[in-house]
Amino acid sequence: MSRSGLSPQNLEKERAVLLAIILDTVLLLFLGTVGLLSGSMTALSEIIRYVLLLVIEYVSYMVLRRAHRGEFNEYEYGTGKIERITNLLVAFGLVLSSLYIFSKIISLEDSAPLSTNSLMLTMIGANFNLIINYYFSVALIHSNRRDSSVIISSQIAARIAKTVASVVVFGVLVLALWLPDPRSARIVDLFGSIFLVGYMIVIAYGLVKESLPEILDRTIPEPEHFQILRILTEHFEQYDGFSGYKARRSGKDLFILLKLGFLPELTLEQIDTRLRPLRHAFEAELPGSTITIEPEIMDER
């Protein structure tokens, strides 16, 4: 463990995400300036998409840091809701941005000039964007290999998607610069922006599909209820009373709260020793579940 109490794997993940955010922010400032001056609809679409997805990166990094430091104990059913609500807001922003860009595409004349110098600088920025996305896709995959994290996994998926978009944007800008006819260059640019509009809609759909189930806590199906009761029955000698349980799913995570009674003469250490086999049974038979046990002191009547 490091001086800060974090494992080297967690620190590696945090550094990788932080460095990616810093480079993305710096590149956004450059792309935002030259892209808007170029008059390219593809560049405008990429800038808007870039800004909205960068919001997710910032929120993910803050959630990752707090999760590694155990600062989310106040949430009963996990911490994913914070990130997922942000994802829904970004998805809403992506849809609105797509509609705005599409309206601009319809009203724009295909003969509208493109600024060659600004477009060339935008292409250079797009090239750096492609390199950054590819590099951090590989870096995050490597950091997540030994100790998998849900947040890092979503970052990897986002980086791979952004790499694909970066390839298309770079190709469109190169082709627009290479074509000698301004009208043909503008048509290519419009097709590139239409692709990014569709791509933003796909990203928004994916964010909504992934986030909604994790925001809404769900009751578990009957077979899982029977499994919980079976485990409790098989280990009834580990506790002296049973006051019920609660079980909910938040996304893919299963949270179980058990209320078990114990005789007053037992010490906390003895209670913990008796509960250890029960915890192991839940971990073995319901992998990925989070077990919380509330011990209650029973009356000796």
C-alpha atoms as a PDB file:
ATOM      1  CA  MET A   1       0.000   0.000   0.000  1.00  0.00           C
ATOM      2  CA  SER A   2       1.121   3.575  -0.680  1.00  0.00           C
ATOM      3  CA  ARG A   3       1.426   6.362   1.879  1.00  0.00           C
ATOM      4  CA  SER A   4      -2.056   7.517   1.063  1.00  0.00           C
ATOM      5  CA  GLY A   5      -3.444   4.075   1.914  1.00  0.00           C
ATOM      6  CA  LEU A   6      -4.357   3.296  -1.697  1.00  0.00           C
ATOM      7  CA  SER A   7      -3.195   0.248  -3.579  1.00  0.00           C
ATOM      8  CA  PRO A   8      -0.724   0.779  -6.459  1.00  0.00           C
ATOM      9  CA  GLN A   9      -3.392  -0.520  -8.880  1.00  0.00           C
ATOM     10  CA  ASN A  10      -5.925   2.116  -7.745  1.00  0.00           C
ATOM     11  CA  LEU A  11      -3.323   4.881  -7.941  1.00  0.00           C
ATOM     12  CA  GLU A  12      -2.388   3.741 -11.444  1.00  0.00           C
ATOM     13  CA  LYS A  13      -6.023   3.953 -12.514  1.00  0.00           C
ATOM     14  CA  GLU A  14      -6.471   7.421 -11.026  1.00  0.00           C
ATOM     15  CA  ARG A  15      -3.294   8.743 -12.673  1.00  0.00           C
ATOM     16  CA  ALA A  16      -4.297   7.335 -16.060  1.00  0.00           C
ATOM     17  CA  VAL A  17      -7.780   8.906 -15.913  1.00  0.00           C
ATOM     18  CA  LEU A  18      -6.452  12.250 -14.587  1.00  0.00           C
ATOM     19  CA  LEU A  19      -3.770  12.519 -17.266  1.00  0.00           C
ATOM     20  CA  ALA A  20      -6.357  11.712 -19.960  1.00  0.00           C
ATOM     21  CA  ILE A  21      -8.676  14.438 -18.623  1.00  0.00           C
ATOM     22  CA  ILE A  22      -5.870  17.031 -18.557  1.00  0.00           C
ATOM     23  CA  LEU A  23      -4.806  16.274 -22.134  1.00  0.00           C
ATOM     24  CA  ASP A  24      -8.435  16.195 -23.313  1.00  0.00           C
ATOM     25  CA  THR A  25      -9.091  19.603 -21.726  1.00  0.00           C
ATOM     26  CA  VAL A  26      -6.004  21.193 -23.277  1.00  0.00           C
ATOM     27  CA  LEU A  27      -6.827  19.716 -26.675  1.00  0.00           C
ATOM     28  CA  LEU A  28     -10.443  20.893 -26.380  1.00  0.00           C
ATOM     29  CA  LEU A  29      -9.289  24.500 -25.919  1.00  0.00           C
ATOM     30  CA  PHE A  30      -7.213  24.229 -29.099  1.00  0.00           C
ATOM     31  CA  LEU A  31      -9.875  22.393 -31.122  1.00  0.00           C
ATOM     32  CA  GLY A  32     -12.609  24.733 -29.921  1.00  0.00           C
ATOM     33  CA  THR A  33     -10.704  27.782 -31.149  1.00  0.00           C
ATOM     34  CA  VAL A  34      -9.514  26.605 -34.562  1.00  0.00           C
ATOM     35  CA  GLY A  35     -12.553  24.385 -35.199  1.00  0.00           C
ATOM     36  CA  LEU A  36     -15.047  27.218 -34.858  1.00  0.00           C
ATOM     37  CA  LEU A  37     -12.899  29.482 -37.040  1.00  0.00           C
ATOM     38  CA  SER A  38     -12.691  26.826 -39.771  1.00  0.00           C
ATOM     39  CA  GLY A  39     -16.441  26.925 -40.496  1.00  0.00           C
ATOM     40  CA  SER A  40     -16.489  23.109 -40.603  1.00  0.00           C
ATOM     41  CA  MET A  41     -19.709  21.469 -39.437  1.00  0.00           C
ATOM     42  CA  THR A  42     -17.753  18.269 -38.770  1.00  0.00           C
ATOM     43  CA  ALA A  43     -15.450  20.215 -36.448  1.00  0.00           C
ATOM     44  CA  LEU A  44     -18.435  21.840 -34.701  1.00  0.00           C
ATOM     45  CA  SER A  45     -20.079  18.439 -34.191  1.00  0.00           C
ATOM     46  CA  GLU A  46     -16.865  16.989 -32.799  1.00  0.00           C
ATOM     47  CA  ILE A  47     -16.379  19.922 -30.404  1.00  0.00           C
ATOM     48  CA  ILE A  48     -19.897  19.579 -28.963  1.00  0.00           C
ATOM     49  CA  ARG A  49     -19.537  15.810 -28.592  1.00  0.00           C
ATOM     50  CA  TYR A  50     -16.101  16.321 -27.037  1.00  0.00           C
ATOM     51  CA  VAL A  51     -17.416  18.776 -24.408  1.00  0.00           C
ATOM     52  CA  LEU A  52     -20.344  16.615 -23.328  1.00  0.00           C
ATOM     53  CA  LEU A  53     -18.329  13.407 -23.038  1.00  0.00           C
ATOM     54  CA  LEU A  54     -15.594  15.274 -21.156  1.00  0.00           C
ATOM     55  CA  VAL A  55     -18.228  16.058 -18.497  1.00  0.00           C
ATOM     56  CA  ILE A  56     -18.618  12.300 -17.942  1.00  0.00           C
ATOM     57  CA  GLU A  57     -14.842  11.967 -17.576  1.00  0.00           C
ATOM     58  CA  TYR A  58     -14.719  14.634 -14.857  1.00  0.00           C
ATOM     59  CA  VAL A  59     -17.596  13.074 -12.909  1.00  0.00           C
ATOM     60  CA  SER A  60     -16.162   9.558 -13.309  1.00  0.00           C
ATOM     61  CA  TYR A  61     -12.805  10.718 -11.970  1.00  0.00           C
ATOM     62  CA  MET A  62     -14.389  12.326  -8.888  1.00  0.00           C
ATOM     63  CA  VAL A  63     -16.471   9.199  -8.233  1.00  0.00           C
ATOM     64  CA  LEU A  64     -13.412   6.972  -8.734  1.00  0.00           C
ATOM     65  CA  ARG A  65     -11.339   8.976  -6.213  1.00  0.00           C
ATOM     66  CA  ARG A  66     -14.075   8.937  -3.579  1.00  0.00           C
ATOM     67  CA  ALA A  67     -14.794   5.239  -4.127  1.00  0.00           C
ATOM     68  CA  HIS A  68     -11.094   4.355  -3.685  1.00  0.00           C
ATOM     69  CA  ARG A  69     -11.033   6.328  -0.418  1.00  0.00           C
ATOM     70  CA  GLY A  70     -14.240   4.819   0.973  1.00  0.00           C
ATOM     71  CA  GLU A  71     -16.109   8.129   1.047  1.00  0.00           C
ATOM     72  CA  PHE A  72     -19.449   6.762  -0.183  1.00  0.00           C
ATOM     73  CA  ASN A  73     -20.655   4.946   2.911  1.00  0.00           C
ATOM     74  CA  GLU A  74     -23.791   7.107   3.100  1.00  0.00           C
ATOM     75  CA  TYR A  75     -25.276   5.514  -0.025  1.00  0.00           C
ATOM     76  CA  GLU A  76     -27.366   2.460   0.772  1.00  0.00           C
ATOM     77  CA  TYR A  77     -27.391   0.902  -2.691  1.00  0.00           C
ATOM     78  CA  GLY A  78     -24.044   1.835  -4.169  1.00  0.00           C
ATOM     79  CA  THR A  79     -22.492   4.878  -5.804  1.00  0.00           C
ATOM     80  CA  GLY A  80     -23.280   4.252  -9.460  1.00  0.00           C
ATOM     81  CA  LYS A  81     -26.349   6.508  -9.425  1.00  0.00           C
ATOM     82  CA  ILE A  82     -24.211   9.665  -9.326  1.00  0.00           C
ATOM     83  CA  GLU A  83     -22.379   8.753 -12.501  1.00  0.00           C
ATOM     84  CA  ARG A  84     -25.479   7.329 -14.188  1.00  0.00           C
ATOM     85  CA  ILE A  85     -27.577  10.450 -13.580  1.00  0.00           C
ATOM     86  CA  THR A  86     -24.766  12.483 -15.136  1.00  0.00           C
ATOM     87  CA  ASN A  87     -24.774  10.081 -18.080  1.00  0.00           C
ATOM     88  CA  LEU A  88     -28.507  10.690 -18.581  1.00  0.00           C
ATOM     89  CA  LEU A  89     -28.015  14.454 -18.525  1.00  0.00           C
ATOM     90  CA  VAL A  90     -25.199  14.133 -21.064  1.00  0.00           C
ATOM     91  CA  ALA A  91     -27.393  11.879 -23.234  1.00  0.00           C
ATOM     92  CA  PHE A  92     -30.089  14.567 -23.157  1.00  0.00           C
ATOM     93  CA  GLY A  93     -27.448  17.138 -24.123  1.00  0.00           C
ATOM     94  CA  LEU A  94     -26.234  14.947 -26.981  1.00  0.00           C
ATOM     95  CA  VAL A  95     -29.757  14.666 -28.400  1.00  0.00           C
ATOM     96  CA  LEU A  96     -30.338  18.430 -28.198  1.00  0.00           C
ATOM     97  CA  SER A  97     -26.914  19.086 -29.744  1.00  0.00           C
ATOM     98  CA  SER A  98     -27.672  16.644 -32.558  1.00  0.00           C
ATOM     99  CA  LEU A  99     -30.913  18.470 -33.326  1.00  0.00           C
ATOM    100  CA  TYR A 100     -29.093  21.814 -33.302  1.00  0.00           C
ATOM    101  CA  ILE A 101     -26.321  20.598 -35.617  1.00  0.00           C
ATOM    102  CA  PHE A 102     -28.848  18.959 -37.924  1.00  0.00           C
ATOM    103  CA  SER A 103     -30.787  22.230 -38.193  1.00  0.00           C
ATOM    104  CA  LYS A 104     -27.515  24.029 -39.043  1.00  0.00           C
ATOM    105  CA  ILE A 105     -26.735  21.412 -41.717  1.00  0.00           C
ATOM    106  CA  ILE A 106     -30.143  21.895 -43.341  1.00  0.00           C
ATOM    107  CA  SER A 107     -29.849  25.687 -43.401  1.00  0.00           C
ATOM    108  CA  LEU A 108     -26.203  25.742 -44.552  1.00  0.00           C
ATOM    109  CA  GLU A 109     -25.427  26.155 -48.234  1.00  0.00           C
ATOM    110  CA  ASP A 110     -23.013  23.588 -49.690  1.00  0.00           C
ATOM    111  CA  SER A 111     -21.067  26.428 -51.308  1.00  0.00           C
ATOM    112  CA  ALA A 112     -20.275  28.114 -47.974  1.00  0.00           C
ATOM    113  CA  PRO A 113     -16.485  28.517 -47.797  1.00  0.00           C
ATOM    114  CA  LEU A 114     -14.194  26.658 -45.452  1.00  0.00           C
ATOM    115  CA  SER A 115     -11.188  28.391 -43.885  1.00  0.00           C
ATOM    116  CA  THR A 116      -8.228  26.340 -45.182  1.00  0.00           C
ATOM    117  CA  ASN A 117      -5.724  27.510 -42.556  1.00  0.00           C
ATOM    118  CA  SER A 118      -8.066  26.921 -39.622  1.00  0.00           C
ATOM    119  CA  LEU A 119      -9.155  23.602 -41.124  1.00  0.00           C
ATOM    120  CA  MET A 120      -5.520  22.491 -41.348  1.00  0.00           C
ATOM    121  CA  LEU A 121      -4.978  23.380 -37.664  1.00  0.00           C
ATOM    122  CA  THR A 122      -8.200  21.526 -36.816  1.00  0.00           C
ATOM    123  CA  MET A 123      -6.876  18.478 -38.672  1.00  0.00           C
ATOM    124  CA  ILE A 124      -3.655  18.623 -36.617  1.00  0.00           C
ATOM    125  CA  GLY A 125      -5.773  18.783 -33.437  1.00  0.00           C
ATOM    126  CA  ALA A 126      -7.900  15.867 -34.666  1.00  0.00           C
ATOM    127  CA  ASN A 127      -4.711  13.877 -35.259  1.00  0.00           C
ATOM    128  CA  PHE A 128      -3.561  14.494 -31.675  1.00  0.00           C
ATOM    129  CA  ASN A 129      -7.052  13.583 -30.481  1.00  0.00           C
ATOM    130  CA  LEU A 130      -6.824  10.262 -32.301  1.00  0.00           C
ATOM    131  CA  ILE A 131      -3.403   9.537 -30.750  1.00  0.00           C
ATOM    132  CA  ILE A 132      -4.600  10.455 -27.247  1.00  0.00           C
ATOM    133  CA  ASN A 133      -7.735   8.291 -27.501  1.00  0.00           C
ATOM    134  CA  TYR A 134      -5.789   5.301 -28.791  1.00  0.00           C
ATOM    135  CA  TYR A 135      -3.032   5.647 -26.175  1.00  0.00           C
ATOM    136  CA  PHE A 136      -5.418   5.914 -23.225  1.00  0.00           C
ATOM    137  CA  SER A 137      -7.605   3.084 -24.511  1.00  0.00           C
ATOM    138  CA  VAL A 138      -4.540   0.839 -24.237  1.00  0.00           C
ATOM    139  CA  ALA A 139      -3.384   2.394 -20.919  1.00  0.00           C
ATOM    140  CA  LEU A 140      -6.782   1.985 -19.234  1.00  0.00           C
ATOM    141  CA  ILE A 141      -7.148  -1.592 -20.483  1.00  0.00           C
ATOM    142  CA  HIS A 142      -3.739  -2.359 -18.956  1.00  0.00           C
ATOM    143  CA  SER A 143      -4.545  -0.701 -15.603  1.00  0.00           C
ATOM    144  CA  ASN A 144      -7.915  -2.522 -15.397  1.00  0.00           C
ATOM    145  CA  ARG A 145      -6.507  -5.962 -16.178  1.00  0.00           C
ATOM    146  CA  ARG A 146      -5.472  -6.998 -12.660  1.00  0.00           C
ATOM    147  CA  ASP A 147      -8.230  -5.358 -10.610  1.00  0.00           C
ATOM    148  CA  SER A 148     -11.341  -4.683 -12.656  1.00  0.00           C
ATOM    149  CA  SER A 149     -13.338  -1.503 -11.951  1.00  0.00           C
ATOM    150  CA  VAL A 150     -16.821  -0.677 -13.273  1.00  0.00           C
ATOM    151  CA  ILE A 151     -15.898   2.998 -13.670  1.00  0.00           C
ATOM    152  CA  ILE A 152     -12.678   2.200 -15.547  1.00  0.00           C
ATOM    153  CA  SER A 153     -14.538  -0.308 -17.736  1.00  0.00           C
ATOM    154  CA  SER A 154     -16.975   2.431 -18.786  1.00  0.00           C
ATOM    155  CA  GLN A 155     -14.020   4.744 -19.434  1.00  0.00           C
ATOM    156  CA  ILE A 156     -12.465   2.085 -21.690  1.00  0.00           C
ATOM    157  CA  ALA A 157     -15.704   1.698 -23.667  1.00  0.00           C
ATOM    158  CA  ALA A 158     -15.955   5.488 -24.042  1.00  0.00           C
ATOM    159  CA  ARG A 159     -12.307   5.756 -25.174  1.00  0.00           C
ATOM    160  CA  ILE A 160     -12.730   3.046 -27.800  1.00  0.00           C
ATOM    161  CA  ALA A 161     -15.890   4.766 -29.103  1.00  0.00           C
ATOM    162  CA  LYS A 162     -14.066   8.112 -29.200  1.00  0.00           C
ATOM    163  CA  THR A 163     -11.153   6.523 -31.065  1.00  0.00           C
ATOM    164  CA  VAL A 164     -13.545   5.319 -33.779  1.00  0.00           C
ATOM    165  CA  ALA A 165     -15.093   8.794 -34.050  1.00  0.00           C
ATOM    166  CA  SER A 166     -11.618  10.387 -34.137  1.00  0.00           C
ATOM    167  CA  VAL A 167     -10.638   8.232 -37.120  1.00  0.00           C
ATOM    168  CA  VAL A 168     -13.723   9.381 -39.055  1.00  0.00           C
ATOM    169  CA  VAL A 169     -13.234  13.056 -38.143  1.00  0.00           C
ATOM    170  CA  PHE A 170      -9.568  12.982 -39.132  1.00  0.00           C
ATOM    171  CA  GLY A 171     -10.387  11.283 -42.433  1.00  0.00           C
ATOM    172  CA  VAL A 172     -13.139  13.794 -43.273  1.00  0.00           C
ATOM    173  CA  LEU A 173     -10.903  16.789 -42.522  1.00  0.00           C
ATOM    174  CA  VAL A 174      -8.025  15.376 -44.609  1.00  0.00           C
ATOM    175  CA  LEU A 175     -10.382  14.746 -47.537  1.00  0.00           C
ATOM    176  CA  ALA A 176     -11.925  18.221 -47.237  1.00  0.00           C
ATOM    177  CA  LEU A 177      -8.443  19.776 -47.370  1.00  0.00           C
ATOM    178  CA  TRP A 178      -7.321  17.566 -50.249  1.00  0.00           C
ATOM    179  CA  LEU A 179     -10.292  18.330 -52.536  1.00  0.00           C
ATOM    180  CA  PRO A 180      -9.562  21.385 -54.731  1.00  0.00           C
ATOM    181  CA  ASP A 181     -13.235  22.199 -55.303  1.00  0.00           C
ATOM    182  CA  PRO A 182     -14.680  24.153 -52.316  1.00  0.00           C
ATOM    183  CA  ARG A 183     -18.192  22.873 -53.074  1.00  0.00           C
ATOM    184  CA  SER A 184     -17.013  19.218 -52.954  1.00  0.00           C
ATOM    185  CA  ALA A 185     -15.069  19.919 -49.756  1.00  0.00           C
ATOM    186  CA  ARG A 186     -18.193  21.368 -48.127  1.00  0.00           C
ATOM    187  CA  ILE A 187     -20.289  18.357 -49.185  1.00  0.00           C
ATOM    188  CA  VAL A 188     -17.718  15.967 -47.663  1.00  0.00           C
ATOM    189  CA  ASP A 189     -17.705  18.075 -44.489  1.00  0.00           C
ATOM    190  CA  LEU A 190     -21.508  17.940 -44.294  1.00  0.00           C
ATOM    191  CA  PHE A 191     -21.487  14.155 -44.671  1.00  0.00           C
ATOM    192  CA  GLY A 192     -18.915  13.946 -41.875  1.00  0.00           C
ATOM    193  CA  SER A 193     -21.091  16.071 -39.593  1.00  0.00           C
ATOM    194  CA  ILE A 194     -24.149  13.936 -40.430  1.00  0.00           C
ATOM    195  CA  PHE A 195     -22.167  10.848 -39.401  1.00  0.00           C
ATOM    196  CA  LEU A 196     -21.260  12.480 -36.076  1.00  0.00           C
ATOM    197  CA  VAL A 197     -24.882  13.510 -35.483  1.00  0.00           C
ATOM    198  CA  GLY A 198     -25.926   9.882 -35.930  1.00  0.00           C
ATOM    199  CA  TYR A 199     -23.015   8.777 -33.773  1.00  0.00           C
ATOM    200  CA  MET A 200     -24.092  11.133 -30.967  1.00  0.00           C
ATOM    201  CA  ILE A 201     -27.602   9.676 -31.108  1.00  0.00           C
ATOM    202  CA  VAL A 202     -26.134   6.159 -30.807  1.00  0.00           C
ATOM    203  CA  ILE A 203     -24.006   7.235 -27.811  1.00  0.00           C
ATOM    204  CA  ALA A 204     -27.032   8.882 -26.175  1.00  0.00           C
ATOM    205  CA  TYR A 205     -29.102   5.724 -26.663  1.00  0.00           C
ATOM    206  CA  GLY A 206     -26.316   3.612 -25.147  1.00  0.00           C
ATOM    207  CA  LEU A 207     -26.031   5.933 -22.130  1.00  0.00           C
ATOM    208  CA  VAL A 208     -29.789   5.839 -21.502  1.00  0.00           C
ATOM    209  CA  LYS A 209     -29.973   2.062 -21.942  1.00  0.00           C
ATOM    210  CA  GLU A 210     -27.080   1.521 -19.532  1.00  0.00           C
ATOM    211  CA  SER A 211     -27.995   4.153 -16.942  1.00  0.00           C
ATOM    212  CA  LEU A 212     -31.755   3.816 -16.406  1.00  0.00           C
ATOM    213  CA  PRO A 213     -31.664   0.294 -14.862  1.00  0.00           C
ATOM    214  CA  GLU A 214     -28.897   1.390 -12.482  1.00  0.00           C
ATOM    215  CA  ILE A 215     -30.768   4.467 -11.297  1.00  0.00           C
ATOM    216  CA  LEU A 216     -33.923   2.527 -10.465  1.00  0.00           C
ATOM    217  CA  ASP A 217     -33.462   0.066  -7.609  1.00  0.00           C
ATOM    218  CA  ARG A 218     -35.172  -3.173  -8.506  1.00  0.00           C
ATOM    219  CA  THR A 219     -36.595  -5.955  -6.400  1.00  0.00           C
ATOM    220  CA  ILE A 220     -34.906  -9.281  -6.957  1.00  0.00           C
ATOM    221  CA  PRO A 221     -36.650 -12.286  -8.575  1.00  0.00           C
ATOM    222  CA  GLU A 222     -38.107 -15.141  -6.524  1.00  0.00           C
ATOM    223  CA  PRO A 223     -35.232 -17.616  -7.183  1.00  0.00           C
ATOM    224  CA  GLU A 224     -32.766 -15.209  -5.553  1.00  0.00           C
ATOM    225  CA  HIS A 225     -35.108 -14.775  -2.549  1.00  0.00           C
ATOM    226  CA  PHE A 226     -35.199 -18.567  -2.148  1.00  0.00           C
ATOM    227  CA  GLN A 227     -31.399 -18.707  -2.421  1.00  0.00           C
ATOM    228  CA  ILE A 228     -30.986 -16.122   0.352  1.00  0.00           C
ATOM    229  CA  LEU A 229     -33.440 -17.957   2.616  1.00  0.00           C
ATOM    230  CA  ARG A 230     -31.728 -21.290   1.871  1.00  0.00           C
ATOM    231  CA  ILE A 231     -28.328 -19.899   2.892  1.00  0.00           C
ATOM    232  CA  LEU A 232     -29.826 -18.467   6.080  1.00  0.00           C
ATOM    233  CA  THR A 233     -31.488 -21.815   6.855  1.00  0.00           C
ATOM    234  CA  GLU A 234     -28.282 -23.800   6.262  1.00  0.00           C
ATOM    235  CA  HIS A 235     -26.410 -21.528   8.688  1.00  0.00           C
ATOM    236  CA  PHE A 236     -29.136 -21.033  11.312  1.00  0.00           C
ATOM    237  CA  GLU A 237     -26.710 -22.087  14.079  1.00  0.00           C
ATOM    238  CA  GLN A 238     -24.628 -18.943  13.435  1.00  0.00           C
ATOM    239  CA  TYR A 239     -27.304 -16.604  14.845  1.00  0.00           C
ATOM    240  CA  ASP A 240     -29.967 -16.714  17.572  1.00  0.00           C
ATOM    241  CA  GLY A 241     -32.759 -14.685  15.989  1.00  0.00           C
ATOM    242  CA  PHE A 242     -33.944 -13.460  12.607  1.00  0.00           C
ATOM    243  CA  SER A 243     -35.828 -10.172  12.075  1.00  0.00           C
ATOM    244  CA  GLY A 244     -35.981 -10.191   8.296  1.00  0.00           C
ATOM    245  CA  TYR A 245     -33.907  -8.972   5.369  1.00  0.00           C
ATOM    246  CA  LYS A 246     -33.957  -6.526   2.485  1.00  0.00           C
ATOM    247  CA  ALA A 247     -32.530  -7.252  -0.953  1.00  0.00           C
ATOM    248  CA  ARG A 248     -32.376  -4.884  -3.907  1.00  0.00           C
ATOM    249  CA  ARG A 249     -30.591  -4.709  -7.213  1.00  0.00           C
ATOM    250  CA  SER A 250     -28.947  -1.501  -8.386  1.00  0.00           C
ATOM    251  CA  GLY A 251     -27.859  -2.206 -11.943  1.00  0.00           C
ATOM    252  CA  LYS A 252     -25.816  -5.409 -11.849  1.00  0.00           C
ATOM    253  CA  ASP A 253     -25.067  -5.139  -8.119  1.00  0.00           C
ATOM    254  CA  LEU A 254     -27.018  -7.043  -5.478  1.00  0.00           C
ATOM    255  CA  PHE A 255     -27.300  -5.451  -2.017  1.00  0.00           C
ATOM    256  CA  ILE A 256     -28.515  -7.549   0.912  1.00  0.00           C
ATOM    257  CA  LEU A 257     -29.286  -6.245   4.398  1.00  0.00           C
ATOM    258  CA  LEU A 258     -29.748  -8.924   7.102  1.00  0.00           C
ATOM    259  CA  LYS A 259     -31.150  -8.285  10.578  1.00  0.00           C
ATOM    260  CA  LEU A 260     -29.967 -11.066  12.871  1.00  0.00           C
ATOM    261  CA  GLY A 261     -30.422 -11.431  16.643  1.00  0.00           C
ATOM    262  CA  PHE A 262     -27.811 -12.541  19.193  1.00  0.00           C
ATOM    263  CA  LEU A 263     -27.852 -13.315  22.883  1.00  0.00           C
ATOM    264  CA  PRO A 264     -26.640 -10.466  25.134  1.00  0.00           C
ATOM    265  CA  GLU A 265     -23.752 -12.424  26.655  1.00  0.00           C
ATOM    266  CA  LEU A 266     -21.928 -12.631  23.316  1.00  0.00           C
ATOM    267  CA  THR A 267     -19.112 -10.187  22.640  1.00  0.00           C
ATOM    268  CA  LEU A 268     -18.702  -8.376  19.315  1.00  0.00           C
ATOM    269  CA  GLU A 269     -15.731 -10.574  18.522  1.00  0.00           C
ATOM    270  CA  GLN A 270     -17.764 -13.734  19.129  1.00  0.00           C
ATOM    271  CA  ILE A 271     -20.601 -12.409  16.957  1.00  0.00           C
ATOM    272  CA  ASP A 272     -18.154 -11.607  14.150  1.00  0.00           C
ATOM    273  CA  THR A 273     -16.658 -15.111  14.405  1.00  0.00           C
ATOM    274  CA  ARG A 274     -20.090 -16.708  14.156  1.00  0.00           C
ATOM    275  CA  LEU A 275     -21.038 -14.571  11.168  1.00  0.00           C
ATOM    276  CA  ARG A 276     -17.893 -15.322   9.185  1.00  0.00           C
ATOM    277  CA  PRO A 277     -19.151 -18.643   7.658  1.00  0.00           C
ATOM    278  CA  LEU A 278     -22.424 -16.932   6.741  1.00  0.00           C
ATOM    279  CA  ARG A 279     -20.606 -14.135   4.915  1.00  0.00           C
ATOM    280  CA  HIS A 280     -18.429 -16.661   3.068  1.00  0.00           C
ATOM    281  CA  ALA A 281     -21.514 -18.611   1.989  1.00  0.00           C
ATOM    282  CA  PHE A 282     -23.157 -15.503   0.507  1.00  0.00           C
ATOM    283  CA  GLU A 283     -19.924 -14.486  -1.253  1.00  0.00           C
ATOM    284  CA  ALA A 284     -19.532 -17.982  -2.732  1.00  0.00           C
ATOM    285  CA  GLU A 285     -23.133 -18.526  -3.853  1.00  0.00           C
ATOM    286  CA  LEU A 286     -24.035 -14.935  -4.796  1.00  0.00           C
ATOM    287  CA  PRO A 287     -20.816 -13.532  -6.284  1.00  0.00           C
ATOM    288  CA  GLY A 288     -20.728  -9.763  -6.606  1.00  0.00           C
ATOM    289  CA  SER A 289     -23.255  -9.249  -3.809  1.00  0.00           C
ATOM    290  CA  THR A 290     -22.714  -6.790  -0.961  1.00  0.00           C
ATOM    291  CA  ILE A 291     -23.792  -8.159   2.438  1.00  0.00           C
ATOM    292  CA  THR A 292     -24.616  -5.860   5.344  1.00  0.00           C
ATOM    293  CA  ILE A 293     -25.533  -7.465   8.676  1.00  0.00           C
ATOM    294  CA  GLU A 294     -27.228  -5.524  11.470  1.00  0.00           C
ATOM    295  CA  PRO A 295     -26.779  -7.475  14.715  1.00  0.00           C
ATOM    296  CA  GLU A 296     -29.550  -7.033  17.293  1.00  0.00           C
ATOM    297  CA  ILE A 297     -29.305  -7.917  20.973  1.00  0.00           C
ATOM    298  CA  MET A 298     -32.170 -10.205  21.956  1.00  0.00           C
ATOM    299  CA  ASP A 299     -34.161 -10.220  25.178  1.00  0.00           C
ATOM    300  CA  GLU A 300     -33.511 -13.311  27.307  1.00  0.00           C
ATOM    301  CA  ARG A 301     -37.170 -14.027  27.711  1.00  0.00           C
END
